[in-house]
Amino acid sequence: MKVTKVNRDFTVGLYKNIKINHIANIHLRSNEQITFISKKNREYDFVKKNWGYYVTPSINGRFKIFKFRCCLVECQLKKKKFIFVVYKEKTKQLKKYLKNEKLKILFWI
């Protein structure tokens, strides 16, 4: 694994009003894993494989333990699709974000 620090800010969103702070690039070799841990000790794994990336814990296993949900979302204006991982108790905030950004949940995974 190689970590390169980055200091770059940019804006995203339908109205370009969401600021993102890009702080690092992580270069993984095959079968290396990064685990992101939230303040509530929820874990989210990201694994580099020789065929691509394994980007989430099992949706019907550890995903449920850490109280995540996953959905496929579409930008209604640009017809782009995204995969969202959502804290179960943050559905209200998600709905507000979807409305503000003109996004639509196609289905929950």
PDB file of N, CA and C in Angstrom:
ATOM      1  N   MET A   1       0.847  -1.181   0.000  1.00  0.00           N
ATOM      2  CA  MET A   1       0.000   0.000   0.000  1.00  0.00           C
ATOM      3  C   MET A   1       0.888   1.239   0.000  1.00  0.00           C
ATOM      4  N   LYS A   2       0.457   2.212  -0.758  1.00  0.00           N
ATOM      5  CA  LYS A   2       1.146   3.497  -0.792  1.00  0.00           C
ATOM      6  C   LYS A   2       0.104   4.592  -0.612  1.00  0.00           C
ATOM      7  N   VAL A   3       0.358   5.503   0.334  1.00  0.00           N
ATOM      8  CA  VAL A   3      -0.547   6.621   0.578  1.00  0.00           C
ATOM      9  C   VAL A   3       0.141   7.903   0.138  1.00  0.00           C
ATOM     10  N   THR A   4      -0.542   8.653  -0.704  1.00  0.00           N
ATOM     11  CA  THR A   4      -0.037   9.943  -1.156  1.00  0.00           C
ATOM     12  C   THR A   4      -0.968  11.020  -0.615  1.00  0.00           C
ATOM     13  N   LYS A   5      -0.422  11.934   0.178  1.00  0.00           N
ATOM     14  CA  LYS A   5      -1.239  13.026   0.698  1.00  0.00           C
ATOM     15  C   LYS A   5      -1.582  13.995  -0.425  1.00  0.00           C
ATOM     16  N   VAL A   6      -2.812  14.479  -0.383  1.00  0.00           N
ATOM     17  CA  VAL A   6      -3.317  15.417  -1.375  1.00  0.00           C
ATOM     18  C   VAL A   6      -3.995  16.547  -0.616  1.00  0.00           C
ATOM     19  N   ASN A   7      -3.900  17.747  -1.120  1.00  0.00           N
ATOM     20  CA  ASN A   7      -4.623  18.862  -0.509  1.00  0.00           C
ATOM     21  C   ASN A   7      -5.366  19.591  -1.622  1.00  0.00           C
ATOM     22  N   ARG A   8      -6.572  19.114  -1.883  1.00  0.00           N
ATOM     23  CA  ARG A   8      -7.353  19.663  -2.992  1.00  0.00           C
ATOM     24  C   ARG A   8      -8.806  19.784  -2.555  1.00  0.00           C
ATOM     25  N   ASP A   9      -9.369  20.947  -2.747  1.00  0.00           N
ATOM     26  CA  ASP A   9     -10.787  21.179  -2.477  1.00  0.00           C
ATOM     27  C   ASP A   9     -11.500  21.382  -3.806  1.00  0.00           C
ATOM     28  N   PHE A  10     -12.724  20.854  -3.880  1.00  0.00           N
ATOM     29  CA  PHE A  10     -13.530  21.093  -5.069  1.00  0.00           C
ATOM     30  C   PHE A  10     -14.997  21.021  -4.681  1.00  0.00           C
ATOM     31  N   THR A  11     -15.835  21.528  -5.559  1.00  0.00           N
ATOM     32  CA  THR A  11     -17.266  21.534  -5.278  1.00  0.00           C
ATOM     33  C   THR A  11     -17.980  20.578  -6.224  1.00  0.00           C
ATOM     34  N   VAL A  12     -19.038  19.999  -5.714  1.00  0.00           N
ATOM     35  CA  VAL A  12     -19.854  19.056  -6.480  1.00  0.00           C
ATOM     36  C   VAL A  12     -21.322  19.354  -6.213  1.00  0.00           C
ATOM     37  N   GLY A  13     -22.160  18.578  -6.840  1.00  0.00           N
ATOM     38  CA  GLY A  13     -23.590  18.711  -6.619  1.00  0.00           C
ATOM     39  C   GLY A  13     -24.255  19.481  -7.738  1.00  0.00           C
ATOM     40  N   LEU A  14     -25.529  19.361  -7.780  1.00  0.00           N
ATOM     41  CA  LEU A  14     -26.331  20.007  -8.818  1.00  0.00           C
ATOM     42  C   LEU A  14     -26.079  21.514  -8.874  1.00  0.00           C
ATOM     43  N   TYR A  15     -25.942  22.132  -7.697  1.00  0.00           N
ATOM     44  CA  TYR A  15     -25.751  23.576  -7.615  1.00  0.00           C
ATOM     45  C   TYR A  15     -24.312  23.943  -7.232  1.00  0.00           C
ATOM     46  N   LYS A  16     -23.412  22.960  -7.303  1.00  0.00           N
ATOM     47  CA  LYS A  16     -21.988  23.169  -6.968  1.00  0.00           C
ATOM     48  C   LYS A  16     -21.828  23.814  -5.592  1.00  0.00           C
ATOM     49  N   ASN A  17     -22.631  23.373  -4.629  1.00  0.00           N
ATOM     50  CA  ASN A  17     -22.586  23.955  -3.294  1.00  0.00           C
ATOM     51  C   ASN A  17     -22.109  22.967  -2.223  1.00  0.00           C
ATOM     52  N   ILE A  18     -21.590  21.828  -2.645  1.00  0.00           N
ATOM     53  CA  ILE A  18     -21.067  20.829  -1.708  1.00  0.00           C
ATOM     54  C   ILE A  18     -19.557  20.797  -1.871  1.00  0.00           C
ATOM     55  N   LYS A  19     -18.847  21.129  -0.797  1.00  0.00           N
ATOM     56  CA  LYS A  19     -17.392  21.179  -0.846  1.00  0.00           C
ATOM     57  C   LYS A  19     -16.810  19.822  -0.414  1.00  0.00           C
ATOM     58  N   ILE A  20     -15.916  19.300  -1.233  1.00  0.00           N
ATOM     59  CA  ILE A  20     -15.208  18.058  -0.935  1.00  0.00           C
ATOM     60  C   ILE A  20     -13.744  18.406  -0.710  1.00  0.00           C
ATOM     61  N   ASN A  21     -13.160  17.830   0.337  1.00  0.00           N
ATOM     62  CA  ASN A  21     -11.743  18.007   0.621  1.00  0.00           C
ATOM     63  C   ASN A  21     -11.042  16.682   0.326  1.00  0.00           C
ATOM     64  N   HIS A  22     -10.353  16.610  -0.789  1.00  0.00           N
ATOM     65  CA  HIS A  22      -9.608  15.410  -1.203  1.00  0.00           C
ATOM     66  C   HIS A  22      -8.295  15.418  -0.429  1.00  0.00           C
ATOM     67  N   ILE A  23      -8.106  14.443   0.490  1.00  0.00           N
ATOM     68  CA  ILE A  23      -6.949  14.484   1.385  1.00  0.00           C
ATOM     69  C   ILE A  23      -5.883  13.434   1.102  1.00  0.00           C
ATOM     70  N   ALA A  24      -6.221  12.370   0.355  1.00  0.00           N
ATOM     71  CA  ALA A  24      -5.218  11.326   0.107  1.00  0.00           C
ATOM     72  C   ALA A  24      -5.612  10.443  -1.061  1.00  0.00           C
ATOM     73  N   ASN A  25      -4.602   9.877  -1.694  1.00  0.00           N
ATOM     74  CA  ASN A  25      -4.774   8.794  -2.658  1.00  0.00           C
ATOM     75  C   ASN A  25      -4.146   7.557  -2.045  1.00  0.00           C
ATOM     76  N   ILE A  26      -4.829   6.436  -2.135  1.00  0.00           N
ATOM     77  CA  ILE A  26      -4.306   5.178  -1.595  1.00  0.00           C
ATOM     78  C   ILE A  26      -4.146   4.203  -2.753  1.00  0.00           C
ATOM     79  N   HIS A  27      -2.948   3.708  -2.931  1.00  0.00           N
ATOM     80  CA  HIS A  27      -2.634   2.757  -3.986  1.00  0.00           C
ATOM     81  C   HIS A  27      -2.511   1.377  -3.344  1.00  0.00           C
ATOM     82  N   LEU A  28      -3.397   0.458  -3.717  1.00  0.00           N
ATOM     83  CA  LEU A  28      -3.388  -0.890  -3.155  1.00  0.00           C
ATOM     84  C   LEU A  28      -2.877  -1.894  -4.177  1.00  0.00           C
ATOM     85  N   ARG A  29      -2.232  -2.938  -3.678  1.00  0.00           N
ATOM     86  CA  ARG A  29      -1.888  -4.089  -4.504  1.00  0.00           C
ATOM     87  C   ARG A  29      -3.008  -5.114  -4.342  1.00  0.00           C
ATOM     88  N   SER A  30      -3.035  -6.105  -5.207  1.00  0.00           N
ATOM     89  CA  SER A  30      -4.065  -7.151  -5.117  1.00  0.00           C
ATOM     90  C   SER A  30      -4.081  -7.769  -3.730  1.00  0.00           C
ATOM     91  N   ASN A  31      -5.293  -7.981  -3.221  1.00  0.00           N
ATOM     92  CA  ASN A  31      -5.567  -8.595  -1.930  1.00  0.00           C
ATOM     93  C   ASN A  31      -5.144  -7.741  -0.738  1.00  0.00           C
ATOM     94  N   GLU A  32      -4.999  -6.445  -0.939  1.00  0.00           N
ATOM     95  CA  GLU A  32      -4.812  -5.529   0.179  1.00  0.00           C
ATOM     96  C   GLU A  32      -6.156  -4.867   0.474  1.00  0.00           C
ATOM     97  N   GLN A  33      -6.387  -4.618   1.760  1.00  0.00           N
ATOM     98  CA  GLN A  33      -7.669  -4.080   2.212  1.00  0.00           C
ATOM     99  C   GLN A  33      -7.476  -2.818   3.036  1.00  0.00           C
ATOM    100  N   ILE A  34      -8.401  -1.885   2.838  1.00  0.00           N
ATOM    101  CA  ILE A  34      -8.524  -0.703   3.676  1.00  0.00           C
ATOM    102  C   ILE A  34      -9.869  -0.829   4.393  1.00  0.00           C
ATOM    103  N   THR A  35      -9.896  -0.565   5.687  1.00  0.00           N
ATOM    104  CA  THR A  35     -11.151  -0.551   6.434  1.00  0.00           C
ATOM    105  C   THR A  35     -11.362   0.852   6.962  1.00  0.00           C
ATOM    106  N   PHE A  36     -12.484   1.446   6.582  1.00  0.00           N
ATOM    107  CA  PHE A  36     -12.863   2.755   7.083  1.00  0.00           C
ATOM    108  C   PHE A  36     -13.688   2.529   8.347  1.00  0.00           C
ATOM    109  N   ILE A  37     -13.397   3.291   9.396  1.00  0.00           N
ATOM    110  CA  ILE A  37     -14.097   3.118  10.677  1.00  0.00           C
ATOM    111  C   ILE A  37     -14.713   4.454  11.083  1.00  0.00           C
ATOM    112  N   SER A  38     -16.014   4.422  11.338  1.00  0.00           N
ATOM    113  CA  SER A  38     -16.730   5.648  11.714  1.00  0.00           C
ATOM    114  C   SER A  38     -16.560   5.926  13.209  1.00  0.00           C
ATOM    115  N   LYS A  39     -17.078   7.067  13.634  1.00  0.00           N
ATOM    116  CA  LYS A  39     -17.037   7.425  15.058  1.00  0.00           C
ATOM    117  C   LYS A  39     -17.750   6.397  15.923  1.00  0.00           C
ATOM    118  N   LYS A  40     -18.755   5.721  15.344  1.00  0.00           N
ATOM    119  CA  LYS A  40     -19.504   4.703  16.089  1.00  0.00           C
ATOM    120  C   LYS A  40     -18.924   3.301  15.860  1.00  0.00           C
ATOM    121  N   ASN A  41     -17.681   3.234  15.373  1.00  0.00           N
ATOM    122  CA  ASN A  41     -16.970   1.973  15.123  1.00  0.00           C
ATOM    123  C   ASN A  41     -17.648   1.076  14.096  1.00  0.00           C
ATOM    124  N   ARG A  42     -18.331   1.676  13.156  1.00  0.00           N
ATOM    125  CA  ARG A  42     -18.875   0.914  12.036  1.00  0.00           C
ATOM    126  C   ARG A  42     -17.764   0.757  11.001  1.00  0.00           C
ATOM    127  N   GLU A  43     -17.636  -0.430  10.465  1.00  0.00           N
ATOM    128  CA  GLU A  43     -16.553  -0.727   9.537  1.00  0.00           C
ATOM    129  C   GLU A  43     -17.067  -0.850   8.103  1.00  0.00           C
ATOM    130  N   TYR A  44     -16.275  -0.319   7.171  1.00  0.00           N
ATOM    131  CA  TYR A  44     -16.580  -0.428   5.752  1.00  0.00           C
ATOM    132  C   TYR A  44     -15.293  -0.821   5.040  1.00  0.00           C
ATOM    133  N   ASP A  45     -15.292  -1.988   4.411  1.00  0.00           N
ATOM    134  CA  ASP A  45     -14.089  -2.533   3.783  1.00  0.00           C
ATOM    135  C   ASP A  45     -14.029  -2.211   2.294  1.00  0.00           C
ATOM    136  N   PHE A  46     -12.799  -2.085   1.832  1.00  0.00           N
ATOM    137  CA  PHE A  46     -12.516  -1.854   0.422  1.00  0.00           C
ATOM    138  C   PHE A  46     -11.286  -2.686   0.093  1.00  0.00           C
ATOM    139  N   VAL A  47     -11.420  -3.660  -0.821  1.00  0.00           N
ATOM    140  CA  VAL A  47     -10.333  -4.596  -1.120  1.00  0.00           C
ATOM    141  C   VAL A  47      -9.979  -4.523  -2.597  1.00  0.00           C
ATOM    142  N   LYS A  48      -8.681  -4.450  -2.896  1.00  0.00           N
ATOM    143  CA  LYS A  48      -8.197  -4.517  -4.278  1.00  0.00           C
ATOM    144  C   LYS A  48      -8.008  -5.978  -4.642  1.00  0.00           C
ATOM    145  N   LYS A  49      -8.585  -6.392  -5.730  1.00  0.00           N
ATOM    146  CA  LYS A  49      -8.419  -7.756  -6.243  1.00  0.00           C
ATOM    147  C   LYS A  49      -7.724  -7.679  -7.597  1.00  0.00           C
ATOM    148  N   ASN A  50      -7.226  -8.794  -8.098  1.00  0.00           N
ATOM    149  CA  ASN A  50      -6.573  -8.774  -9.411  1.00  0.00           C
ATOM    150  C   ASN A  50      -7.591  -8.558 -10.536  1.00  0.00           C
ATOM    151  N   TRP A  51      -8.880  -8.741 -10.255  1.00  0.00           N
ATOM    152  CA  TRP A  51      -9.932  -8.562 -11.254  1.00  0.00           C
ATOM    153  C   TRP A  51     -10.675  -7.240 -11.089  1.00  0.00           C
ATOM    154  N   GLY A  52     -10.344  -6.455 -10.059  1.00  0.00           N
ATOM    155  CA  GLY A  52     -11.050  -5.188  -9.821  1.00  0.00           C
ATOM    156  C   GLY A  52     -11.077  -4.863  -8.341  1.00  0.00           C
ATOM    157  N   TYR A  53     -12.252  -4.521  -7.816  1.00  0.00           N
ATOM    158  CA  TYR A  53     -12.386  -4.141  -6.405  1.00  0.00           C
ATOM    159  C   TYR A  53     -13.595  -4.815  -5.766  1.00  0.00           C
ATOM    160  N   TYR A  54     -13.401  -5.241  -4.547  1.00  0.00           N
ATOM    161  CA  TYR A  54     -14.453  -5.751  -3.677  1.00  0.00           C
ATOM    162  C   TYR A  54     -14.741  -4.588  -2.740  1.00  0.00           C
ATOM    163  N   VAL A  55     -15.874  -3.912  -2.917  1.00  0.00           N
ATOM    164  CA  VAL A  55     -16.038  -2.596  -2.310  1.00  0.00           C
ATOM    165  C   VAL A  55     -16.993  -2.498  -1.129  1.00  0.00           C
ATOM    166  N   THR A  56     -17.401  -3.605  -0.575  1.00  0.00           N
ATOM    167  CA  THR A  56     -18.295  -3.523   0.574  1.00  0.00           C
ATOM    168  C   THR A  56     -18.281  -4.827   1.358  1.00  0.00           C
ATOM    169  N   PRO A  57     -18.515  -4.761   2.662  1.00  0.00           N
ATOM    170  CA  PRO A  57     -18.745  -6.001   3.405  1.00  0.00           C
ATOM    171  C   PRO A  57     -19.991  -6.696   2.847  1.00  0.00           C
ATOM    172  N   SER A  58     -20.194  -7.949   3.179  1.00  0.00           N
ATOM    173  CA  SER A  58     -21.369  -8.677   2.679  1.00  0.00           C
ATOM    174  C   SER A  58     -22.641  -7.925   3.072  1.00  0.00           C
ATOM    175  N   ILE A  59     -23.495  -7.693   2.093  1.00  0.00           N
ATOM    176  CA  ILE A  59     -24.694  -6.894   2.299  1.00  0.00           C
ATOM    177  C   ILE A  59     -25.683  -7.575   3.245  1.00  0.00           C
ATOM    178  N   ASN A  60     -25.681  -8.891   3.276  1.00  0.00           N
ATOM    179  CA  ASN A  60     -26.603  -9.604   4.178  1.00  0.00           C
ATOM    180  C   ASN A  60     -25.891 -10.120   5.433  1.00  0.00           C
ATOM    181  N   GLY A  61     -24.668  -9.669   5.683  1.00  0.00           N
ATOM    182  CA  GLY A  61     -23.909 -10.090   6.865  1.00  0.00           C
ATOM    183  C   GLY A  61     -23.443  -8.892   7.667  1.00  0.00           C
ATOM    184  N   ARG A  62     -22.155  -8.545   7.520  1.00  0.00           N
ATOM    185  CA  ARG A  62     -21.570  -7.447   8.289  1.00  0.00           C
ATOM    186  C   ARG A  62     -22.232  -6.103   7.991  1.00  0.00           C
ATOM    187  N   PHE A  63     -22.758  -5.952   6.785  1.00  0.00           N
ATOM    188  CA  PHE A  63     -23.475  -4.725   6.432  1.00  0.00           C
ATOM    189  C   PHE A  63     -24.626  -4.492   7.408  1.00  0.00           C
ATOM    190  N   LYS A  64     -25.376  -5.548   7.687  1.00  0.00           N
ATOM    191  CA  LYS A  64     -26.506  -5.449   8.619  1.00  0.00           C
ATOM    192  C   LYS A  64     -26.016  -5.204  10.041  1.00  0.00           C
ATOM    193  N   ILE A  65     -24.942  -5.877  10.430  1.00  0.00           N
ATOM    194  CA  ILE A  65     -24.391  -5.699  11.776  1.00  0.00           C
ATOM    195  C   ILE A  65     -24.033  -4.238  12.026  1.00  0.00           C
ATOM    196  N   PHE A  66     -23.436  -3.588  11.011  1.00  0.00           N
ATOM    197  CA  PHE A  66     -23.007  -2.199  11.157  1.00  0.00           C
ATOM    198  C   PHE A  66     -24.092  -1.200  10.756  1.00  0.00           C
ATOM    199  N   LYS A  67     -25.308  -1.700  10.521  1.00  0.00           N
ATOM    200  CA  LYS A  67     -26.496  -0.878  10.265  1.00  0.00           C
ATOM    201  C   LYS A  67     -26.358   0.019   9.038  1.00  0.00           C
ATOM    202  N   PHE A  68     -25.876  -0.575   7.947  1.00  0.00           N
ATOM    203  CA  PHE A  68     -25.815   0.096   6.658  1.00  0.00           C
ATOM    204  C   PHE A  68     -26.934  -0.410   5.767  1.00  0.00           C
ATOM    205  N   ARG A  69     -27.315   0.420   4.806  1.00  0.00           N
ATOM    206  CA  ARG A  69     -28.187   0.017   3.698  1.00  0.00           C
ATOM    207  C   ARG A  69     -27.500   0.477   2.424  1.00  0.00           C
ATOM    208  N   CYS A  70     -27.849  -0.145   1.325  1.00  0.00           N
ATOM    209  CA  CYS A  70     -27.212   0.161   0.060  1.00  0.00           C
ATOM    210  C   CYS A  70     -28.289   0.352  -0.998  1.00  0.00           C
ATOM    211  N   CYS A  71     -28.124   1.373  -1.839  1.00  0.00           N
ATOM    212  CA  CYS A  71     -29.115   1.611  -2.892  1.00  0.00           C
ATOM    213  C   CYS A  71     -28.443   2.097  -4.171  1.00  0.00           C
ATOM    214  N   LEU A  72     -29.132   1.878  -5.270  1.00  0.00           N
ATOM    215  CA  LEU A  72     -28.717   2.403  -6.563  1.00  0.00           C
ATOM    216  C   LEU A  72     -29.511   3.677  -6.804  1.00  0.00           C
ATOM    217  N   VAL A  73     -28.805   4.761  -7.090  1.00  0.00           N
ATOM    218  CA  VAL A  73     -29.405   6.085  -7.223  1.00  0.00           C
ATOM    219  C   VAL A  73     -29.116   6.618  -8.619  1.00  0.00           C
ATOM    220  N   GLU A  74     -30.078   7.367  -9.171  1.00  0.00           N
ATOM    221  CA  GLU A  74     -29.871   7.970 -10.483  1.00  0.00           C
ATOM    222  C   GLU A  74     -30.067   9.480 -10.392  1.00  0.00           C
ATOM    223  N   CYS A  75     -29.178  10.212 -11.056  1.00  0.00           N
ATOM    224  CA  CYS A  75     -29.350  11.652 -11.235  1.00  0.00           C
ATOM    225  C   CYS A  75     -30.352  11.822 -12.367  1.00  0.00           C
ATOM    226  N   GLN A  76     -31.505  12.356 -12.063  1.00  0.00           N
ATOM    227  CA  GLN A  76     -32.579  12.447 -13.043  1.00  0.00           C
ATOM    228  C   GLN A  76     -32.244  13.385 -14.195  1.00  0.00           C
ATOM    229  N   LEU A  77     -31.388  14.365 -13.974  1.00  0.00           N
ATOM    230  CA  LEU A  77     -31.051  15.330 -15.019  1.00  0.00           C
ATOM    231  C   LEU A  77     -29.947  14.829 -15.940  1.00  0.00           C
ATOM    232  N   LYS A  78     -28.957  14.144 -15.376  1.00  0.00           N
ATOM    233  CA  LYS A  78     -27.795  13.729 -16.168  1.00  0.00           C
ATOM    234  C   LYS A  78     -27.777  12.241 -16.494  1.00  0.00           C
ATOM    235  N   LYS A  79     -28.742  11.499 -15.969  1.00  0.00           N
ATOM    236  CA  LYS A  79     -28.855  10.052 -16.188  1.00  0.00           C
ATOM    237  C   LYS A  79     -27.588   9.295 -15.766  1.00  0.00           C
ATOM    238  N   LYS A  80     -26.921   9.801 -14.727  1.00  0.00           N
ATOM    239  CA  LYS A  80     -25.780   9.096 -14.146  1.00  0.00           C
ATOM    240  C   LYS A  80     -26.282   8.277 -12.964  1.00  0.00           C
ATOM    241  N   LYS A  81     -25.642   7.149 -12.720  1.00  0.00           N
ATOM    242  CA  LYS A  81     -26.044   6.272 -11.624  1.00  0.00           C
ATOM    243  C   LYS A  81     -24.925   6.174 -10.597  1.00  0.00           C
ATOM    244  N   PHE A  82     -25.321   6.014  -9.331  1.00  0.00           N
ATOM    245  CA  PHE A  82     -24.397   5.943  -8.210  1.00  0.00           C
ATOM    246  C   PHE A  82     -24.848   4.861  -7.241  1.00  0.00           C
ATOM    247  N   ILE A  83     -23.917   4.296  -6.517  1.00  0.00           N
ATOM    248  CA  ILE A  83     -24.232   3.383  -5.423  1.00  0.00           C
ATOM    249  C   ILE A  83     -24.003   4.140  -4.128  1.00  0.00           C
ATOM    250  N   PHE A  84     -25.029   4.198  -3.300  1.00  0.00           N
ATOM    251  CA  PHE A  84     -24.939   4.874  -2.006  1.00  0.00           C
ATOM    252  C   PHE A  84     -24.944   3.832  -0.896  1.00  0.00           C
ATOM    253  N   VAL A  85     -24.130   4.057   0.108  1.00  0.00           N
ATOM    254  CA  VAL A  85     -24.145   3.274   1.343  1.00  0.00           C
ATOM    255  C   VAL A  85     -24.647   4.229   2.417  1.00  0.00           C
ATOM    256  N   VAL A  86     -25.725   3.846   3.079  1.00  0.00           N
ATOM    257  CA  VAL A  86     -26.457   4.758   3.955  1.00  0.00           C
ATOM    258  C   VAL A  86     -26.550   4.181   5.362  1.00  0.00           C
ATOM    259  N   TYR A  87     -26.315   5.020   6.368  1.00  0.00           N
ATOM    260  CA  TYR A  87     -26.602   4.622   7.743  1.00  0.00           C
ATOM    261  C   TYR A  87     -28.113   4.471   7.867  1.00  0.00           C
ATOM    262  N   LYS A  88     -28.576   3.360   8.420  1.00  0.00           N
ATOM    263  CA  LYS A  88     -30.024   3.126   8.515  1.00  0.00           C
ATOM    264  C   LYS A  88     -30.755   4.266   9.214  1.00  0.00           C
ATOM    265  N   GLU A  89     -30.148   4.830  10.257  1.00  0.00           N
ATOM    266  CA  GLU A  89     -30.828   5.873  11.021  1.00  0.00           C
ATOM    267  C   GLU A  89     -30.715   7.257  10.376  1.00  0.00           C
ATOM    268  N   LYS A  90     -30.068   7.360   9.221  1.00  0.00           N
ATOM    269  CA  LYS A  90     -29.894   8.650   8.540  1.00  0.00           C
ATOM    270  C   LYS A  90     -30.742   8.759   7.279  1.00  0.00           C
ATOM    271  N   THR A  91     -31.804   7.981   7.188  1.00  0.00           N
ATOM    272  CA  THR A  91     -32.660   7.983   6.006  1.00  0.00           C
ATOM    273  C   THR A  91     -33.289   9.354   5.769  1.00  0.00           C
ATOM    274  N   LYS A  92     -33.637  10.060   6.837  1.00  0.00           N
ATOM    275  CA  LYS A  92     -34.242  11.387   6.702  1.00  0.00           C
ATOM    276  C   LYS A  92     -33.260  12.351   6.017  1.00  0.00           C
ATOM    277  N   GLN A  93     -31.994  12.319   6.434  1.00  0.00           N
ATOM    278  CA  GLN A  93     -30.980  13.174   5.822  1.00  0.00           C
ATOM    279  C   GLN A  93     -30.746  12.783   4.359  1.00  0.00           C
ATOM    280  N   LEU A  94     -30.791  11.484   4.087  1.00  0.00           N
ATOM    281  CA  LEU A  94     -30.637  11.009   2.713  1.00  0.00           C
ATOM    282  C   LEU A  94     -31.763  11.557   1.843  1.00  0.00           C
ATOM    283  N   LYS A  95     -32.999  11.469   2.314  1.00  0.00           N
ATOM    284  CA  LYS A  95     -34.145  11.946   1.531  1.00  0.00           C
ATOM    285  C   LYS A  95     -34.017  13.429   1.207  1.00  0.00           C
ATOM    286  N   LYS A  96     -33.538  14.209   2.165  1.00  0.00           N
ATOM    287  CA  LYS A  96     -33.331  15.641   1.941  1.00  0.00           C
ATOM    288  C   LYS A  96     -32.262  15.851   0.869  1.00  0.00           C
ATOM    289  N   TYR A  97     -31.168  15.103   0.961  1.00  0.00           N
ATOM    290  CA  TYR A  97     -30.087  15.198  -0.021  1.00  0.00           C
ATOM    291  C   TYR A  97     -30.588  14.820  -1.417  1.00  0.00           C
ATOM    292  N   LEU A  98     -31.336  13.726  -1.506  1.00  0.00           N
ATOM    293  CA  LEU A  98     -31.877  13.286  -2.792  1.00  0.00           C
ATOM    294  C   LEU A  98     -32.758  14.361  -3.418  1.00  0.00           C
ATOM    295  N   LYS A  99     -33.606  14.960  -2.607  1.00  0.00           N
ATOM    296  CA  LYS A  99     -34.512  16.007  -3.106  1.00  0.00           C
ATOM    297  C   LYS A  99     -33.718  17.225  -3.584  1.00  0.00           C
ATOM    298  N   ASN A 100     -32.753  17.674  -2.779  1.00  0.00           N
ATOM    299  CA  ASN A 100     -31.956  18.852  -3.132  1.00  0.00           C
ATOM    300  C   ASN A 100     -31.148  18.642  -4.409  1.00  0.00           C
ATOM    301  N   GLU A 101     -30.664  17.415  -4.619  1.00  0.00           N
ATOM    302  CA  GLU A 101     -29.798  17.128  -5.759  1.00  0.00           C
ATOM    303  C   GLU A 101     -30.551  16.523  -6.948  1.00  0.00           C
ATOM    304  N   LYS A 102     -31.869  16.421  -6.817  1.00  0.00           N
ATOM    305  CA  LYS A 102     -32.714  15.840  -7.866  1.00  0.00           C
ATOM    306  C   LYS A 102     -32.256  14.415  -8.230  1.00  0.00           C
ATOM    307  N   LEU A 103     -32.078  13.634  -7.184  1.00  0.00           N
ATOM    308  CA  LEU A 103     -31.678  12.230  -7.328  1.00  0.00           C
ATOM    309  C   LEU A 103     -32.855  11.336  -6.981  1.00  0.00           C
ATOM    310  N   LYS A 104     -32.834  10.123  -7.497  1.00  0.00           N
ATOM    311  CA  LYS A 104     -33.934   9.187  -7.262  1.00  0.00           C
ATOM    312  C   LYS A 104     -33.340   7.815  -6.937  1.00  0.00           C
ATOM    313  N   ILE A 105     -33.870   7.185  -5.907  1.00  0.00           N
ATOM    314  CA  ILE A 105     -33.466   5.814  -5.595  1.00  0.00           C
ATOM    315  C   ILE A 105     -34.156   4.901  -6.598  1.00  0.00           C
ATOM    316  N   LEU A 106     -33.363   4.157  -7.344  1.00  0.00           N
ATOM    317  CA  LEU A 106     -33.932   3.183  -8.297  1.00  0.00           C
ATOM    318  C   LEU A 106     -34.359   1.926  -7.564  1.00  0.00           C
ATOM    319  N   PHE A 107     -33.510   1.453  -6.651  1.00  0.00           N
ATOM    320  CA  PHE A 107     -33.869   0.337  -5.787  1.00  0.00           C
ATOM    321  C   PHE A 107     -32.849   0.167  -4.669  1.00  0.00           C
ATOM    322  N   TRP A 108     -33.334  -0.436  -3.592  1.00  0.00           N
ATOM    323  CA  TRP A 108     -32.463  -0.792  -2.469  1.00  0.00           C
ATOM    324  C   TRP A 108     -31.884  -2.166  -2.742  1.00  0.00           C
ATOM    325  N   ILE A 109     -30.618  -2.320  -2.446  1.00  0.00           N
ATOM    326  CA  ILE A 109     -29.944  -3.601  -2.664  1.00  0.00           C
ATOM    327  C   ILE A 109     -29.980  -4.389  -1.367  1.00  0.00           C
TER     328      ILE A 109
END
